[in-house]
Amino acid sequence: WSQAGRSVLHGSMLASLALVLSAYLSPPECVGRRALVFGAGAASLVVPTRPLAALAADYAELQTRLDTPLVAQASMAPALGKVEPKVPGWLSGRWQCEQTLRRYSTPQGVQYIGAAGRPVSEAEASAAQTRSQIGRPVTLELRWRPAPGGGAVEDRPFNARSRLDAFAGRAVVRSALTCDEAGVDAPGLSCTYVEFSGPIVQKQFVNSVRVAAAPDAADGAFVSSDITRTILARRKVAGDTRNFPPLTVDSEVLLSLSSTSPDTASGRLRLVEYLNANDPLYFAAGGKSVSISDYSLALTRLPPEQ
């Protein structure tokens, strides 16, 4: 992978998804890092069984991660044997979401979002392309399903497809399933398997989830953190002898959301990119964020699907 396809995987994330697709169909020098990872973004809400002081501390810590200009990476180890927490019950159903990029930063320098061995100018161009999306709303549909015993769970395959298509500006996903439905291994709390229209597949693992309700959560307000690993690979096609090794991207999706009425909600979303151990600059990054995309969210409830 070189600059154009790696940049698509993060930063303003989904806005340049088309570059990822062309990256697998073009020479390696056309690649960059931004976009795909948001297919895994989610919100979760735990039942408050811990002392209130501890819950308040959890909320304050996650709120800090949502606001700080440089974020320390949390563990990527999968939360084996655990069940994905539920989201608040008011999220159950279909929602029209307007998501708008408000700020994009590369807190340790633009060189950390580029491909190894490529000119820094390519990383600078990728960052500039991301910032050009600031203030431009993207509209998409998101869904959560009622959960047994109350609360709701995210329809991750549907939401992954909806986000990827919306930010690409066209239909780019052929299918999106849970990894279990697709018959592939599924570590972590959740796994989504995406097949694109071209010879590209993607697996998104939610390795762990942290979430905390606001101290006064009468409006259902909460902050959550999803630790996500995305693996993008190209299927071999007849007559194509090029070798594209899988690309692994580590990220964190921080979400702050509250209900403003029975049929509306608002909040913020932060997409944080980290380097993984395969990147030559991994140790130089010091386990800290290399790009941060901050979005505003406005949700409006849609009628049940007929």
Protein backbone atom coordinates (compact mmCIF):
# COMPACT_ATOMS: atom_id res chain seq x y z
CA TRP A 1 0.00 0.00 0.00
CA SER A 2 1.16 3.50 -0.80
CA GLN A 3 -0.33 6.85 0.00
CA ALA A 4 -3.72 7.09 -1.79
CA GLY A 5 -5.29 3.89 -0.34
CA ARG A 6 -3.87 4.14 3.18
CA SER A 7 -5.11 7.70 3.65
CA VAL A 8 -8.64 6.69 2.77
CA LEU A 9 -8.81 4.46 5.81
CA HIS A 10 -8.69 7.23 8.40
CA GLY A 11 -8.71 10.96 8.86
CA SER A 12 -12.09 12.21 7.66
CA MET A 13 -12.54 8.52 7.10
CA LEU A 14 -15.32 7.64 4.69
CA ALA A 15 -15.24 10.77 2.54
CA SER A 16 -12.70 9.30 0.11
CA LEU A 17 -13.70 5.65 0.09
CA ALA A 18 -13.49 5.61 -3.70
CA LEU A 19 -9.72 5.99 -3.38
CA VAL A 20 -9.52 2.72 -1.46
CA LEU A 21 -11.32 0.91 -4.24
CA SER A 22 -9.07 2.41 -6.89
CA ALA A 23 -6.05 1.61 -4.76
CA TYR A 24 -6.62 -2.11 -5.22
CA LEU A 25 -7.28 -1.66 -8.92
CA SER A 26 -4.36 0.70 -9.62
CA PRO A 27 -0.57 0.66 -9.20
CA PRO A 28 0.54 0.82 -5.53
CA GLU A 29 1.73 4.42 -5.78
CA CYS A 30 -1.91 5.55 -6.00
CA VAL A 31 -2.78 4.54 -2.44
CA GLY A 32 -3.54 6.50 0.87
CA ARG A 33 -5.00 6.00 4.48
CA ARG A 34 -8.49 7.32 5.34
CA ALA A 35 -12.16 6.31 5.67
CA LEU A 36 -13.25 2.69 5.97
CA VAL A 37 -13.04 2.23 9.70
CA PHE A 38 -16.19 4.07 10.57
CA GLY A 39 -18.22 1.11 9.39
CA ALA A 40 -17.57 -0.23 12.87
CA GLY A 41 -18.67 2.84 14.83
CA ALA A 42 -21.21 2.15 17.60
CA ALA A 43 -22.69 3.23 20.90
CA SER A 44 -23.17 0.98 23.92
CA LEU A 45 -24.66 1.46 27.36
CA VAL A 46 -23.94 -0.63 30.43
CA VAL A 47 -26.28 -1.30 33.32
CA PRO A 48 -25.09 0.89 36.25
CA THR A 49 -24.10 -1.85 38.70
CA ARG A 50 -20.93 -0.04 39.89
CA PRO A 51 -20.80 2.72 42.54
CA LEU A 52 -21.95 6.11 41.28
CA ALA A 53 -18.54 7.65 41.94
CA ALA A 54 -16.87 5.05 39.72
CA LEU A 55 -19.46 5.59 36.99
CA ALA A 56 -18.89 9.35 37.15
CA ALA A 57 -15.14 8.78 36.86
CA ASP A 58 -15.66 6.56 33.81
CA TYR A 59 -17.79 9.24 32.17
CA ALA A 60 -15.21 11.95 32.90
CA GLU A 61 -12.39 9.82 31.46
CA LEU A 62 -14.26 9.07 28.24
CA GLN A 63 -15.30 12.71 27.93
CA THR A 64 -11.62 13.66 28.20
CA ARG A 65 -10.77 11.26 25.37
CA LEU A 66 -13.48 12.93 23.32
CA ASP A 67 -11.97 16.39 23.90
CA THR A 68 -8.20 16.06 24.28
CA PRO A 69 -6.01 17.05 21.29
CA LEU A 70 -3.74 13.99 21.69
CA VAL A 71 -5.25 10.62 22.68
CA ALA A 72 -3.31 7.72 24.22
CA GLN A 73 -4.08 4.38 22.58
CA ALA A 74 -6.08 1.87 24.61
CA SER A 75 -5.39 -1.86 24.49
CA MET A 76 -6.30 -3.59 21.22
CA ALA A 77 -6.63 -6.98 22.94
CA PRO A 78 -10.02 -8.58 22.13
CA ALA A 79 -12.50 -8.79 25.01
CA LEU A 80 -12.88 -12.55 24.76
CA GLY A 81 -15.84 -14.28 26.36
CA LYS A 82 -17.81 -11.07 26.89
CA VAL A 83 -21.14 -9.92 25.48
CA GLU A 84 -21.38 -6.62 23.65
CA PRO A 85 -23.15 -4.12 25.96
CA LYS A 86 -26.54 -2.74 25.02
CA VAL A 87 -27.26 0.76 23.85
CA PRO A 88 -30.03 2.79 25.53
CA GLY A 89 -33.51 1.64 24.58
CA TRP A 90 -34.52 4.97 23.04
CA LEU A 91 -32.09 4.27 20.17
CA SER A 92 -34.08 1.27 19.00
CA GLY A 93 -35.42 1.76 15.48
CA ARG A 94 -34.47 3.56 12.27
CA TRP A 95 -32.79 6.96 12.27
CA GLN A 96 -31.84 9.51 9.65
CA CYS A 97 -28.40 10.78 10.64
CA GLU A 98 -26.73 13.97 9.46
CA GLN A 99 -23.00 13.68 10.12
CA THR A 100 -20.77 16.71 9.55
CA LEU A 101 -16.99 16.92 9.82
CA ARG A 102 -16.11 19.86 12.07
CA ARG A 103 -12.36 19.45 12.63
CA TYR A 104 -9.49 17.29 11.40
CA SER A 105 -6.03 17.19 12.95
CA THR A 106 -2.77 15.27 12.69
CA PRO A 107 -1.49 15.92 16.24
CA GLN A 108 1.99 14.43 15.75
CA GLY A 109 2.59 15.63 12.21
CA VAL A 110 1.22 14.82 8.79
CA GLN A 111 4.02 12.32 8.11
CA TYR A 112 2.28 9.79 10.37
CA ILE A 113 -0.71 9.40 8.04
CA GLY A 114 1.41 8.67 4.97
CA ALA A 115 2.75 5.45 3.53
CA ALA A 116 6.28 4.32 4.29
CA GLY A 117 8.77 5.53 1.69
CA ARG A 118 6.36 7.92 0.00
CA PRO A 119 6.82 11.72 -0.21
CA VAL A 120 5.36 13.74 2.67
CA SER A 121 3.64 15.86 0.02
CA GLU A 122 1.24 12.96 -0.59
CA ALA A 123 0.27 12.88 3.08
CA GLU A 124 -0.19 16.65 3.03
CA ALA A 125 -2.48 16.34 0.00
CA SER A 126 -4.49 13.65 1.78
CA ALA A 127 -4.90 15.84 4.87
CA ALA A 128 -5.94 18.79 2.69
CA GLN A 129 -8.52 16.62 0.95
CA THR A 130 -9.94 15.62 4.32
CA ARG A 131 -10.14 19.22 5.52
CA SER A 132 -11.99 20.16 2.33
CA GLN A 133 -14.92 18.12 3.69
CA ILE A 134 -15.28 20.27 6.83
CA GLY A 135 -18.79 21.69 7.12
CA ARG A 136 -20.28 19.39 4.47
CA PRO A 137 -23.08 17.26 5.96
CA VAL A 138 -23.52 13.64 4.90
CA THR A 139 -26.96 12.07 5.36
CA LEU A 140 -27.42 8.35 5.97
CA GLU A 141 -29.70 5.87 7.72
CA LEU A 142 -28.67 4.08 10.92
CA ARG A 143 -30.47 1.27 12.73
CA TRP A 144 -30.58 -0.31 16.17
CA ARG A 145 -32.61 -3.39 17.10
CA PRO A 146 -34.52 -4.03 20.35
CA ALA A 147 -32.47 -6.28 22.63
CA PRO A 148 -33.87 -9.11 24.77
CA GLY A 149 -34.46 -7.82 28.27
CA GLY A 150 -34.47 -4.17 27.23
CA GLY A 151 -32.11 -1.74 25.58
CA ALA A 152 -30.98 -2.04 21.98
CA VAL A 153 -28.10 -3.35 19.89
CA GLU A 154 -26.64 -1.79 16.79
CA ASP A 155 -27.37 -3.37 13.43
CA ARG A 156 -23.69 -3.26 12.57
CA PRO A 157 -23.83 -4.82 9.07
CA PHE A 158 -26.59 -2.45 7.95
CA ASN A 159 -24.87 0.57 9.46
CA ALA A 160 -21.50 -0.37 7.97
CA ARG A 161 -23.01 -0.53 4.49
CA SER A 162 -24.99 2.66 4.99
CA ARG A 163 -21.95 4.63 6.17
CA LEU A 164 -19.60 3.36 3.49
CA ASP A 165 -22.05 4.04 0.66
CA ALA A 166 -23.03 7.46 2.03
CA PHE A 167 -19.48 8.75 2.48
CA ALA A 168 -18.39 7.35 -0.89
CA GLY A 169 -21.30 9.19 -2.53
CA ARG A 170 -22.43 6.06 -4.37
CA ALA A 171 -23.15 2.37 -3.82
CA VAL A 172 -19.77 0.69 -3.25
CA VAL A 173 -20.79 -2.24 -1.00
CA ARG A 174 -22.04 -5.48 -2.51
CA SER A 175 -22.91 -7.10 0.83
CA ALA A 176 -22.39 -6.65 4.57
CA LEU A 177 -22.92 -9.49 7.06
CA THR A 178 -21.86 -10.49 10.52
CA CYS A 179 -18.71 -12.59 10.34
CA ASP A 180 -20.70 -15.55 11.68
CA GLU A 181 -23.21 -15.19 8.83
CA ALA A 182 -20.35 -14.91 6.34
CA GLY A 183 -18.70 -18.06 7.72
CA VAL A 184 -15.41 -16.38 8.70
CA ASP A 185 -13.64 -16.25 12.05
CA ALA A 186 -15.01 -13.55 14.35
CA PRO A 187 -12.83 -12.55 17.32
CA GLY A 188 -13.75 -9.67 19.61
CA LEU A 189 -17.15 -8.46 20.77
CA SER A 190 -18.46 -7.95 17.24
CA CYS A 191 -17.27 -8.61 13.69
CA THR A 192 -18.64 -7.34 10.37
CA TYR A 193 -17.64 -8.74 6.97
CA VAL A 194 -17.99 -6.37 4.00
CA GLU A 195 -17.67 -7.26 0.31
CA PHE A 196 -17.21 -4.30 -2.02
CA SER A 197 -18.29 -4.05 -5.64
CA GLY A 198 -14.69 -4.63 -6.72
CA PRO A 199 -12.44 -7.52 -5.63
CA ILE A 200 -12.07 -6.10 -2.11
CA VAL A 201 -13.19 -7.48 1.25
CA GLN A 202 -13.05 -5.97 4.70
CA LYS A 203 -13.34 -7.36 8.22
CA GLN A 204 -14.07 -5.00 11.09
CA PHE A 205 -13.58 -6.22 14.65
CA VAL A 206 -14.87 -4.32 17.66
CA ASN A 207 -12.32 -5.62 20.16
CA SER A 208 -13.67 -3.85 23.23
CA VAL A 209 -16.29 -1.33 24.30
CA ARG A 210 -16.29 1.18 27.14
CA VAL A 211 -19.31 3.29 27.88
CA ALA A 212 -20.60 5.49 30.67
CA ALA A 213 -23.82 7.40 31.28
CA ALA A 214 -23.70 11.08 32.14
CA PRO A 215 -24.00 11.74 35.91
CA ASP A 216 -27.45 13.24 35.27
CA ALA A 217 -28.63 11.03 32.42
CA ALA A 218 -32.31 11.95 32.38
CA ASP A 219 -31.97 12.54 28.63
CA GLY A 220 -30.22 9.20 28.12
CA ALA A 221 -26.87 10.92 27.52
CA PHE A 222 -23.76 8.73 27.40
CA VAL A 223 -20.23 8.55 26.03
CA SER A 224 -18.83 5.36 24.50
CA SER A 225 -15.52 4.14 23.11
CA ASP A 226 -15.24 1.32 20.57
CA ILE A 227 -11.72 -0.06 19.99
CA THR A 228 -11.68 -1.30 16.41
CA ARG A 229 -9.34 -3.16 14.08
CA THR A 230 -10.06 -3.11 10.33
CA ILE A 231 -8.42 -5.52 7.89
CA LEU A 232 -8.74 -4.77 4.18
CA ALA A 233 -7.68 -7.35 1.58
CA ARG A 234 -7.88 -7.82 -2.16
CA ARG A 235 -9.15 -11.05 -3.66
CA LYS A 236 -7.13 -12.55 -6.48
CA VAL A 237 -8.73 -12.19 -9.90
CA ALA A 238 -7.91 -14.08 -13.07
CA GLY A 239 -4.95 -12.63 -14.92
CA ASP A 240 -3.89 -10.28 -12.11
CA THR A 241 -0.44 -11.15 -10.77
CA ARG A 242 -0.02 -8.13 -8.50
CA ASN A 243 0.48 -8.77 -4.80
CA PHE A 244 -1.34 -6.51 -2.33
CA PRO A 245 -0.70 -7.54 1.29
CA PRO A 246 -3.63 -6.98 3.68
CA LEU A 247 -3.82 -3.55 5.28
CA THR A 248 -4.56 -3.40 9.02
CA VAL A 249 -5.85 -0.21 10.62
CA ASP A 250 -6.36 0.39 14.36
CA SER A 251 -8.83 3.05 15.47
CA GLU A 252 -11.15 4.22 18.21
CA VAL A 253 -14.67 5.56 17.75
CA LEU A 254 -15.78 7.87 20.57
CA LEU A 255 -19.46 8.79 20.63
CA SER A 256 -21.38 11.26 22.78
CA LEU A 257 -25.14 11.14 22.24
CA SER A 258 -28.29 12.30 24.01
CA SER A 259 -32.00 12.28 23.27
CA THR A 260 -33.42 15.75 22.63
CA SER A 261 -37.01 14.53 22.13
CA PRO A 262 -38.71 11.15 21.57
CA ASP A 263 -37.85 11.45 17.87
CA THR A 264 -34.57 13.41 17.80
CA ALA A 265 -31.07 13.11 19.21
CA SER A 266 -27.81 15.00 18.89
CA GLY A 267 -24.19 14.53 19.75
CA ARG A 268 -20.60 14.24 18.61
CA LEU A 269 -18.43 11.55 17.12
CA ARG A 270 -14.63 11.38 17.21
CA LEU A 271 -12.66 9.00 15.00
CA VAL A 272 -9.11 8.48 16.27
CA GLU A 273 -6.41 6.74 14.24
CA TYR A 274 -3.42 4.94 15.74
CA LEU A 275 -0.51 3.14 14.12
CA ASN A 276 -0.11 -0.61 14.59
CA ALA A 277 3.10 -2.58 15.04
CA ASN A 278 3.44 -3.19 11.28
CA ASP A 279 4.01 0.51 10.61
CA PRO A 280 7.65 1.72 10.51
CA LEU A 281 6.66 4.79 12.58
CA TYR A 282 4.84 2.76 15.24
CA PHE A 283 7.40 3.31 18.00
CA ALA A 284 7.98 6.93 17.02
CA ALA A 285 4.23 7.57 17.47
CA GLY A 286 4.57 6.48 21.10
CA GLY A 287 1.15 4.85 21.32
CA LYS A 288 -0.60 8.18 20.69
CA SER A 289 -3.14 9.28 18.08
CA VAL A 290 -1.86 10.21 14.62
CA SER A 291 -5.12 11.62 13.21
CA ILE A 292 -8.38 12.81 14.76
CA SER A 293 -11.65 13.57 12.95
CA ASP A 294 -14.40 15.32 14.93
CA TYR A 295 -18.01 15.23 13.69
CA SER A 296 -21.34 16.62 14.81
CA LEU A 297 -24.38 14.32 14.69
CA ALA A 298 -28.09 15.09 14.32
CA LEU A 299 -30.52 12.13 14.38
CA THR A 300 -34.21 12.11 13.41
CA ARG A 301 -36.36 9.03 13.92
CA LEU A 302 -37.75 7.34 10.80
CA PRO A 303 -41.00 5.32 10.69
CA PRO A 304 -40.70 1.54 11.02
CA GLU A 305 -39.84 -0.23 7.80
CA GLN A 306 -42.93 -1.61 6.07
